[in-house]
C-alpha atoms as a PDB file:
ATOM      1  CA  MET A   1     -38.970   1.702 -11.625  1.00  0.00           C
ATOM      2  CA  ASP A   2     -37.488   0.116 -14.768  1.00  0.00           C
ATOM      3  CA  ASP A   3     -34.601   1.382 -16.937  1.00  0.00           C
ATOM      4  CA  LYS A   4     -36.832   3.167 -19.466  1.00  0.00           C
ATOM      5  CA  GLU A   5     -38.658   5.015 -16.719  1.00  0.00           C
ATOM      6  CA  ILE A   6     -35.336   6.082 -15.161  1.00  0.00           C
ATOM      7  CA  GLN A   7     -34.199   7.416 -18.561  1.00  0.00           C
ATOM      8  CA  ARG A   8     -37.410   9.453 -18.905  1.00  0.00           C
ATOM      9  CA  VAL A   9     -36.893  10.955 -15.443  1.00  0.00           C
ATOM     10  CA  LEU A  10     -33.243  11.811 -16.194  1.00  0.00           C
ATOM     11  CA  SER A  11     -34.174  13.407 -19.530  1.00  0.00           C
ATOM     12  CA  GLY A  12     -36.859  15.541 -17.857  1.00  0.00           C
ATOM     13  CA  GLU A  13     -39.799  13.938 -19.708  1.00  0.00           C
ATOM     14  CA  THR A  14     -41.436  12.958 -16.445  1.00  0.00           C
ATOM     15  CA  SER A  15     -40.856  13.395 -12.725  1.00  0.00           C
ATOM     16  CA  ILE A  16     -40.461  10.917  -9.880  1.00  0.00           C
ATOM     17  CA  ASP A  17     -43.545  10.076  -7.939  1.00  0.00           C
ATOM     18  CA  PRO A  18     -42.819  10.826  -4.247  1.00  0.00           C
ATOM     19  CA  LYS A  19     -43.928   7.272  -3.331  1.00  0.00           C
ATOM     20  CA  ASP A  20     -41.045   5.930  -5.517  1.00  0.00           C
ATOM     21  CA  ILE A  21     -38.359   7.764  -3.479  1.00  0.00           C
ATOM     22  CA  PRO A  22     -36.872   5.289  -1.007  1.00  0.00           C
ATOM     23  CA  GLN A  23     -37.438   5.933   2.664  1.00  0.00           C
ATOM     24  CA  VAL A  24     -34.071   6.462   4.343  1.00  0.00           C
ATOM     25  CA  THR A  25     -33.565   6.086   8.073  1.00  0.00           C
ATOM     26  CA  VAL A  26     -30.399   6.472  10.075  1.00  0.00           C
ATOM     27  CA  SER A  27     -29.851   4.359  13.166  1.00  0.00           C
ATOM     28  CA  THR A  28     -27.765   5.642  16.037  1.00  0.00           C
ATOM     29  CA  PRO A  29     -25.572   3.402  18.228  1.00  0.00           C
ATOM     30  CA  ASP A  30     -28.137   3.569  21.037  1.00  0.00           C
ATOM     31  CA  GLY A  31     -30.813   2.010  18.783  1.00  0.00           C
ATOM     32  CA  LYS A  32     -32.804   5.146  17.930  1.00  0.00           C
ATOM     33  CA  SER A  33     -33.625   5.776  14.286  1.00  0.00           C
ATOM     34  CA  THR A  34     -34.304   9.006  12.445  1.00  0.00           C
ATOM     35  CA  SER A  35     -36.043   9.411   9.111  1.00  0.00           C
ATOM     36  CA  ILE A  36     -34.310  11.428   6.384  1.00  0.00           C
ATOM     37  CA  ASP A  37     -36.789  13.858   4.866  1.00  0.00           C
ATOM     38  CA  ASP A  38     -34.429  15.770   2.582  1.00  0.00           C
ATOM     39  CA  TYR A  39     -33.041  12.938   0.468  1.00  0.00           C
ATOM     40  CA  ASP A  40     -30.974  15.200  -1.836  1.00  0.00           C
ATOM     41  CA  SER A  41     -29.119  16.870   1.031  1.00  0.00           C
ATOM     42  CA  PHE A  42     -28.477  13.501   2.646  1.00  0.00           C
ATOM     43  CA  MET A  43     -27.013  12.069  -0.571  1.00  0.00           C
ATOM     44  CA  GLN A  44     -24.911  15.204  -1.032  1.00  0.00           C
ATOM     45  CA  PHE A  45     -23.546  14.713   2.498  1.00  0.00           C
ATOM     46  CA  LEU A  46     -22.705  11.061   1.769  1.00  0.00           C
ATOM     47  CA  MET A  47     -20.943  11.938  -1.490  1.00  0.00           C
ATOM     48  CA  THR A  48     -18.950  14.725   0.191  1.00  0.00           C
ATOM     49  CA  ALA A  49     -17.892  12.390   3.007  1.00  0.00           C
ATOM     50  CA  SER A  50     -16.842   9.760   0.463  1.00  0.00           C
ATOM     51  CA  MET A  51     -14.814  12.282  -1.549  1.00  0.00           C
ATOM     52  CA  ASN A  52     -13.094  13.514   1.620  1.00  0.00           C
ATOM     53  CA  ALA A  53     -12.133   9.953   2.555  1.00  0.00           C
ATOM     54  CA  GLN A  54     -10.630   9.430  -0.910  1.00  0.00           C
ATOM     55  CA  LEU A  55      -8.712  12.719  -0.668  1.00  0.00           C
ATOM     56  CA  VAL A  56      -7.199  11.597   2.647  1.00  0.00           C
ATOM     57  CA  LYS A  57      -5.988   8.364   0.986  1.00  0.00           C
ATOM     58  CA  ILE A  58      -4.493  10.311  -1.935  1.00  0.00           C
ATOM     59  CA  ARG A  59      -2.754  12.721   0.457  1.00  0.00           C
ATOM     60  CA  LYS A  60      -1.239   9.818   2.445  1.00  0.00           C
ATOM     61  CA  TYR A  61      -0.016   8.222  -0.787  1.00  0.00           C
ATOM     62  CA  PHE A  62       1.709  11.413  -1.977  1.00  0.00           C
ATOM     63  CA  ASP A  63       3.175  12.058   1.482  1.00  0.00           C
ATOM     64  CA  ASP A  64       4.577   8.509   1.484  1.00  0.00           C
ATOM     65  CA  ARG A  65       6.290   9.085  -1.876  1.00  0.00           C
ATOM     66  CA  ARG A  66       8.368  11.957  -0.477  1.00  0.00           C
ATOM     67  CA  PRO A  67      11.776  10.796   0.813  1.00  0.00           C
ATOM     68  CA  ASN A  68      12.888  11.826   4.281  1.00  0.00           C
ATOM     69  CA  GLY A  69      16.625  11.642   3.551  1.00  0.00           C
ATOM     70  CA  LEU A  70      17.434   8.998   6.164  1.00  0.00           C
ATOM     71  CA  ILE A  71      19.993   6.278   5.424  1.00  0.00           C
ATOM     72  CA  GLN A  72      20.463   2.899   7.127  1.00  0.00           C
ATOM     73  CA  ARG A  73      23.559   0.757   6.596  1.00  0.00           C
ATOM     74  CA  PHE A  74      23.954  -2.968   7.223  1.00  0.00           C
ATOM     75  CA  ASN A  75      27.056  -5.152   6.753  1.00  0.00           C
ATOM     76  CA  PRO A  76      26.034  -8.734   7.547  1.00  0.00           C
ATOM     77  CA  LEU A  77      28.030 -11.887   6.928  1.00  0.00           C
ATOM     78  CA  VAL A  78      25.640 -14.220   5.102  1.00  0.00           C
ATOM     79  CA  THR A  79      25.835 -17.992   5.629  1.00  0.00           C
ATOM     80  CA  ASP A  80      23.727 -20.975   4.616  1.00  0.00           C
ATOM     81  CA  GLN A  81      21.383 -20.145   7.514  1.00  0.00           C
ATOM     82  CA  PRO A  82      18.629 -17.607   6.683  1.00  0.00           C
ATOM     83  CA  THR A  83      19.503 -14.102   7.871  1.00  0.00           C
ATOM     84  CA  GLU A  84      16.695 -11.623   8.525  1.00  0.00           C
ATOM     85  CA  ILE A  85      17.469  -7.918   8.615  1.00  0.00           C
ATOM     86  CA  LYS A  86      14.776  -5.572   9.896  1.00  0.00           C
ATOM     87  CA  VAL A  87      15.136  -1.933   8.951  1.00  0.00           C
ATOM     88  CA  ASP A  88      14.538   0.595  11.730  1.00  0.00           C
ATOM     89  CA  TYR A  89      12.021   2.491   9.593  1.00  0.00           C
ATOM     90  CA  ALA A  90      10.431   1.635   6.252  1.00  0.00           C
ATOM     91  CA  ALA A  91      12.571   2.531   3.243  1.00  0.00           C
ATOM     92  CA  GLN A  92      11.836   3.429  -0.381  1.00  0.00           C
ATOM     93  CA  SER A  93      14.964   2.003  -1.943  1.00  0.00           C
ATOM     94  CA  PHE A  94      18.072  -0.019  -1.233  1.00  0.00           C
ATOM     95  CA  SER A  95      21.350  -1.024  -2.755  1.00  0.00           C
ATOM     96  CA  LEU A  96      22.958  -4.376  -1.921  1.00  0.00           C
ATOM     97  CA  HIS A  97      26.550  -5.078  -2.951  1.00  0.00           C
ATOM     98  CA  ASN A  98      27.965  -8.598  -2.655  1.00  0.00           C
ATOM     99  CA  ASP A  99      31.640  -8.550  -1.623  1.00  0.00           C
ATOM    100  CA  GLY A 100      31.740 -12.345  -1.929  1.00  0.00           C
ATOM    101  CA  PRO A 101      33.165 -14.792  -2.111  1.00  0.00           C
ATOM    102  CA  ASP A 102      29.886 -16.622  -2.943  1.00  0.00           C
ATOM    103  CA  PRO A 103      26.453 -15.705  -4.419  1.00  0.00           C
ATOM    104  CA  VAL A 104      23.683 -14.483  -2.108  1.00  0.00           C
ATOM    105  CA  THR A 105      19.959 -15.103  -2.459  1.00  0.00           C
ATOM    106  CA  VAL A 106      17.864 -12.041  -1.502  1.00  0.00           C
ATOM    107  CA  TRP A 107      14.184 -11.683  -0.614  1.00  0.00           C
ATOM    108  CA  VAL A 108      12.505  -8.357   0.176  1.00  0.00           C
ATOM    109  CA  ASN A 109       9.825  -8.192   2.914  1.00  0.00           C
ATOM    110  CA  THR A 110       8.805 -11.868   2.646  1.00  0.00           C
ATOM    111  CA  LYS A 111      10.270 -15.190   1.564  1.00  0.00           C
ATOM    112  CA  LEU A 112       6.971 -15.995  -0.170  1.00  0.00           C
ATOM    113  CA  ARG A 113       7.855 -13.827  -3.173  1.00  0.00           C
ATOM    114  CA  PRO A 114      10.406 -14.645  -5.867  1.00  0.00           C
ATOM    115  CA  GLU A 115      14.012 -14.188  -4.845  1.00  0.00           C
ATOM    116  CA  ALA A 116      16.983 -12.617  -6.591  1.00  0.00           C
ATOM    117  CA  THR A 117      20.538 -13.900  -6.677  1.00  0.00           C
ATOM    118  CA  VAL A 118      23.426 -11.458  -6.390  1.00  0.00           C
ATOM    119  CA  ASN A 119      26.790 -12.843  -7.477  1.00  0.00           C
ATOM    120  CA  ASN A 120      30.196 -11.863  -6.112  1.00  0.00           C
ATOM    121  CA  GLY A 121      31.014  -8.283  -7.174  1.00  0.00           C
ATOM    122  CA  GLU A 122      27.464  -7.488  -8.314  1.00  0.00           C
ATOM    123  CA  THR A 123      25.160  -4.792  -6.952  1.00  0.00           C
ATOM    124  CA  MET A 124      21.382  -5.065  -6.693  1.00  0.00           C
ATOM    125  CA  ASN A 125      19.395  -1.791  -6.684  1.00  0.00           C
ATOM    126  CA  VAL A 126      15.687  -1.670  -5.880  1.00  0.00           C
ATOM    127  CA  LYS A 127      13.482   1.423  -5.740  1.00  0.00           C
ATOM    128  CA  TYR A 128       9.793   1.541  -4.840  1.00  0.00           C
ATOM    129  CA  GLU A 129       7.379   4.460  -5.139  1.00  0.00           C
ATOM    130  CA  THR A 130       6.505   4.377  -1.437  1.00  0.00           C
ATOM    131  CA  HIS A 131       8.085   3.335   1.856  1.00  0.00           C
ATOM    132  CA  VAL A 132       7.424  -0.404   1.754  1.00  0.00           C
ATOM    133  CA  ILE A 133      10.809  -2.006   2.435  1.00  0.00           C
ATOM    134  CA  LYS A 134      10.783  -3.382   5.988  1.00  0.00           C
ATOM    135  CA  HIS A 135      12.789  -6.642   5.910  1.00  0.00           C
ATOM    136  CA  PHE A 136      15.566  -8.323   3.976  1.00  0.00           C
ATOM    137  CA  TYR A 137      16.124 -12.054   3.977  1.00  0.00           C
ATOM    138  CA  LEU A 138      19.555 -13.271   2.880  1.00  0.00           C
ATOM    139  CA  GLN A 139      20.965 -16.753   2.433  1.00  0.00           C
ATOM    140  CA  CYS A 140      23.826 -18.538   0.690  1.00  0.00           C
ATOM    141  CA  ALA A 141      23.890 -22.087  -0.654  1.00  0.00           C
ATOM    142  CA  PRO A 142      25.050 -24.832   1.773  1.00  0.00           C
ATOM    143  CA  THR A 143      28.669 -24.391   2.953  1.00  0.00           C
ATOM    144  CA  GLN A 144      28.932 -20.975   1.249  1.00  0.00           C
ATOM    145  CA  THR A 145      29.315 -17.492   2.793  1.00  0.00           C
ATOM    146  CA  ALA A 146      29.360 -13.910   1.579  1.00  0.00           C
ATOM    147  CA  ALA A 147      29.901 -10.460   2.987  1.00  0.00           C
ATOM    148  CA  VAL A 148      27.347  -7.919   1.786  1.00  0.00           C
ATOM    149  CA  ARG A 149      26.837  -4.194   2.167  1.00  0.00           C
ATOM    150  CA  ILE A 150      23.281  -2.860   2.221  1.00  0.00           C
ATOM    151  CA  VAL A 151      22.296   0.793   2.120  1.00  0.00           C
ATOM    152  CA  ALA A 152      18.565   1.429   2.649  1.00  0.00           C
ATOM    153  CA  LYS A 153      17.267   4.919   1.876  1.00  0.00           C
ATOM    154  CA  ASP A 154      14.148   6.555   3.176  1.00  0.00           C
END
Protein backbone atom coordinates (compact mmCIF):
# COMPACT_ATOMS: atom_id res chain seq x y z
CA MET A 1 0.00 0.00 0.00
CA ASP A 2 1.56 3.31 -1.08
CA ASP A 3 1.06 6.79 0.44
CA LYS A 4 -1.68 7.83 -2.00
CA GLU A 5 -3.66 4.68 -1.30
CA ILE A 6 -3.34 5.26 2.46
CA GLN A 7 -4.65 8.82 2.00
CA ARG A 8 -7.67 7.53 0.05
CA VAL A 9 -8.45 5.02 2.82
CA LEU A 10 -8.12 7.70 5.54
CA SER A 11 -10.36 10.10 3.60
CA GLY A 12 -13.03 7.41 3.17
CA GLU A 13 -12.76 7.25 -0.64
CA THR A 14 -11.96 3.55 -0.52
CA SER A 15 -11.69 0.79 2.06
CA ILE A 16 -8.87 -1.57 3.01
CA ASP A 17 -8.86 -4.93 1.36
CA PRO A 18 -8.83 -7.57 4.15
CA LYS A 19 -5.76 -9.21 2.53
CA ASP A 20 -3.84 -5.92 3.12
CA ILE A 21 -4.39 -6.03 6.92
CA PRO A 22 -1.25 -7.48 8.51
CA GLN A 23 -1.56 -10.81 10.25
CA VAL A 24 -0.71 -10.35 13.93
CA THR A 25 0.30 -13.23 16.17
CA VAL A 26 1.26 -13.16 19.81
CA SER A 27 3.82 -15.61 21.13
CA THR A 28 3.69 -16.79 24.71
CA PRO A 29 6.80 -17.60 26.79
CA ASP A 30 6.16 -21.33 26.36
CA GLY A 31 6.43 -21.01 22.55
CA LYS A 32 2.72 -21.14 21.66
CA SER A 33 1.38 -18.49 19.31
CA THR A 34 -2.10 -17.07 18.94
CA SER A 35 -3.50 -15.19 15.97
CA ILE A 36 -5.16 -11.81 16.57
CA ASP A 37 -8.45 -11.70 14.70
CA ASP A 38 -9.75 -8.36 15.98
CA TYR A 39 -6.92 -6.06 14.93
CA ASP A 40 -8.65 -2.84 16.10
CA SER A 41 -9.21 -4.11 19.64
CA PHE A 42 -5.64 -5.37 19.81
CA MET A 43 -4.24 -1.99 18.73
CA GLN A 44 -6.52 -0.23 21.20
CA PHE A 45 -5.14 -2.48 23.96
CA LEU A 46 -1.55 -1.69 22.94
CA MET A 47 -2.21 2.06 22.88
CA THR A 48 -3.93 1.94 26.28
CA ALA A 49 -1.02 -0.02 27.78
CA SER A 50 1.45 2.48 26.31
CA MET A 51 -0.49 5.46 27.69
CA ASN A 52 -0.65 3.83 31.14
CA ALA A 53 3.11 3.29 31.13
CA GLN A 54 3.65 6.97 30.26
CA LEU A 55 1.25 8.06 33.02
CA VAL A 56 3.24 6.02 35.56
CA LYS A 57 6.44 7.82 34.48
CA ILE A 58 4.74 11.22 34.76
CA ARG A 59 3.38 10.34 38.22
CA LYS A 60 6.86 9.28 39.42
CA TYR A 61 8.33 12.52 38.09
CA PHE A 62 5.78 14.70 39.91
CA ASP A 63 6.12 12.65 43.10
CA ASP A 64 9.90 13.13 42.94
CA ARG A 65 9.49 16.92 42.68
CA ARG A 66 7.69 17.09 46.03
CA PRO A 67 10.08 17.77 48.94
CA ASN A 68 9.94 15.55 52.00
CA GLY A 69 11.27 18.17 54.43
CA LEU A 70 14.35 16.22 55.52
CA ILE A 71 17.64 18.02 56.15
CA GLN A 72 21.18 16.59 56.23
CA ARG A 73 24.14 18.55 57.59
CA PHE A 74 27.83 17.95 56.92
CA ASN A 75 30.84 19.86 58.30
CA PRO A 76 33.95 18.37 56.67
CA LEU A 77 37.48 19.73 56.78
CA VAL A 78 38.62 19.79 53.15
CA THR A 79 42.27 19.17 52.26
CA ASP A 80 44.22 18.65 49.05
CA GLN A 81 43.05 15.01 49.07
CA PRO A 82 39.65 14.41 47.39
CA THR A 83 36.82 14.16 49.93
CA GLU A 84 33.66 12.28 48.98
CA ILE A 85 30.47 12.90 50.92
CA LYS A 86 27.55 10.55 50.34
CA VAL A 87 24.15 11.81 51.39
CA ASP A 88 21.95 9.35 53.30
CA TYR A 89 19.06 9.92 50.88
CA ALA A 90 18.89 11.79 47.58
CA ALA A 91 18.38 15.54 47.95
CA GLN A 92 16.82 18.24 45.77
CA SER A 93 18.99 21.14 46.86
CA PHE A 94 22.01 22.07 48.92
CA SER A 95 23.84 25.04 50.29
CA LEU A 96 27.61 24.96 50.80
CA HIS A 97 29.33 27.72 52.78
CA ASN A 98 33.13 27.97 52.79
CA ASP A 99 34.45 29.10 56.19
CA GLY A 100 37.98 29.12 54.78
CA PRO A 101 40.72 29.86 54.92
CA ASP A 102 41.22 28.64 51.31
CA PRO A 103 39.03 28.09 48.20
CA VAL A 104 37.26 24.74 47.72
CA THR A 105 36.56 22.97 44.44
CA VAL A 106 33.12 21.27 44.41
CA TRP A 107 31.68 18.56 42.16
CA VAL A 108 28.12 17.24 42.45
CA ASN A 109 27.43 13.51 41.90
CA THR A 110 30.48 12.90 39.68
CA LYS A 111 33.93 14.35 39.07
CA LEU A 112 33.35 13.95 35.32
CA ARG A 113 31.23 17.11 35.17
CA PRO A 114 32.49 20.69 35.42
CA GLU A 115 33.40 21.82 38.91
CA ALA A 116 32.70 25.01 40.82
CA THR A 117 35.07 26.91 43.07
CA VAL A 118 33.79 28.42 46.31
CA ASN A 119 36.07 31.05 47.84
CA ASN A 120 36.47 31.82 51.53
CA GLY A 121 33.26 33.43 52.86
CA GLU A 122 31.18 32.52 49.79
CA THR A 123 28.08 30.34 49.68
CA MET A 124 27.10 28.05 46.81
CA ASN A 125 23.39 27.22 46.43
CA VAL A 126 22.14 24.54 44.04
CA LYS A 127 18.54 23.47 43.49
CA TYR A 128 17.31 20.72 41.17
CA GLU A 129 13.74 19.89 40.17
CA THR A 130 14.02 16.31 41.43
CA HIS A 131 15.95 14.33 44.03
CA VAL A 132 19.20 13.77 42.16
CA ILE A 133 21.92 14.92 44.57
CA LYS A 134 23.66 11.82 45.96
CA HIS A 135 27.36 12.73 46.32
CA PHE A 136 29.60 15.72 46.85
CA TYR A 137 33.27 15.74 45.97
CA LEU A 138 35.41 18.43 47.61
CA GLN A 139 39.07 19.30 47.24
CA CYS A 140 41.47 22.17 47.89
CA ALA A 141 44.62 23.06 45.98
CA PRO A 142 47.89 21.45 47.21
CA THR A 143 48.84 22.46 50.78
CA GLN A 144 45.52 24.28 51.27
CA THR A 145 42.60 23.46 53.61
CA ALA A 146 39.11 24.78 54.26
CA ALA A 147 36.25 24.15 56.63
CA VAL A 148 32.87 23.97 54.91
CA ARG A 149 29.27 23.66 56.03
CA ILE A 150 26.85 21.79 53.78
CA VAL A 151 23.10 21.61 54.25
CA ALA A 152 21.33 19.20 51.87
CA LYS A 153 17.54 19.41 51.68
CA ASP A 154 15.14 16.75 50.54
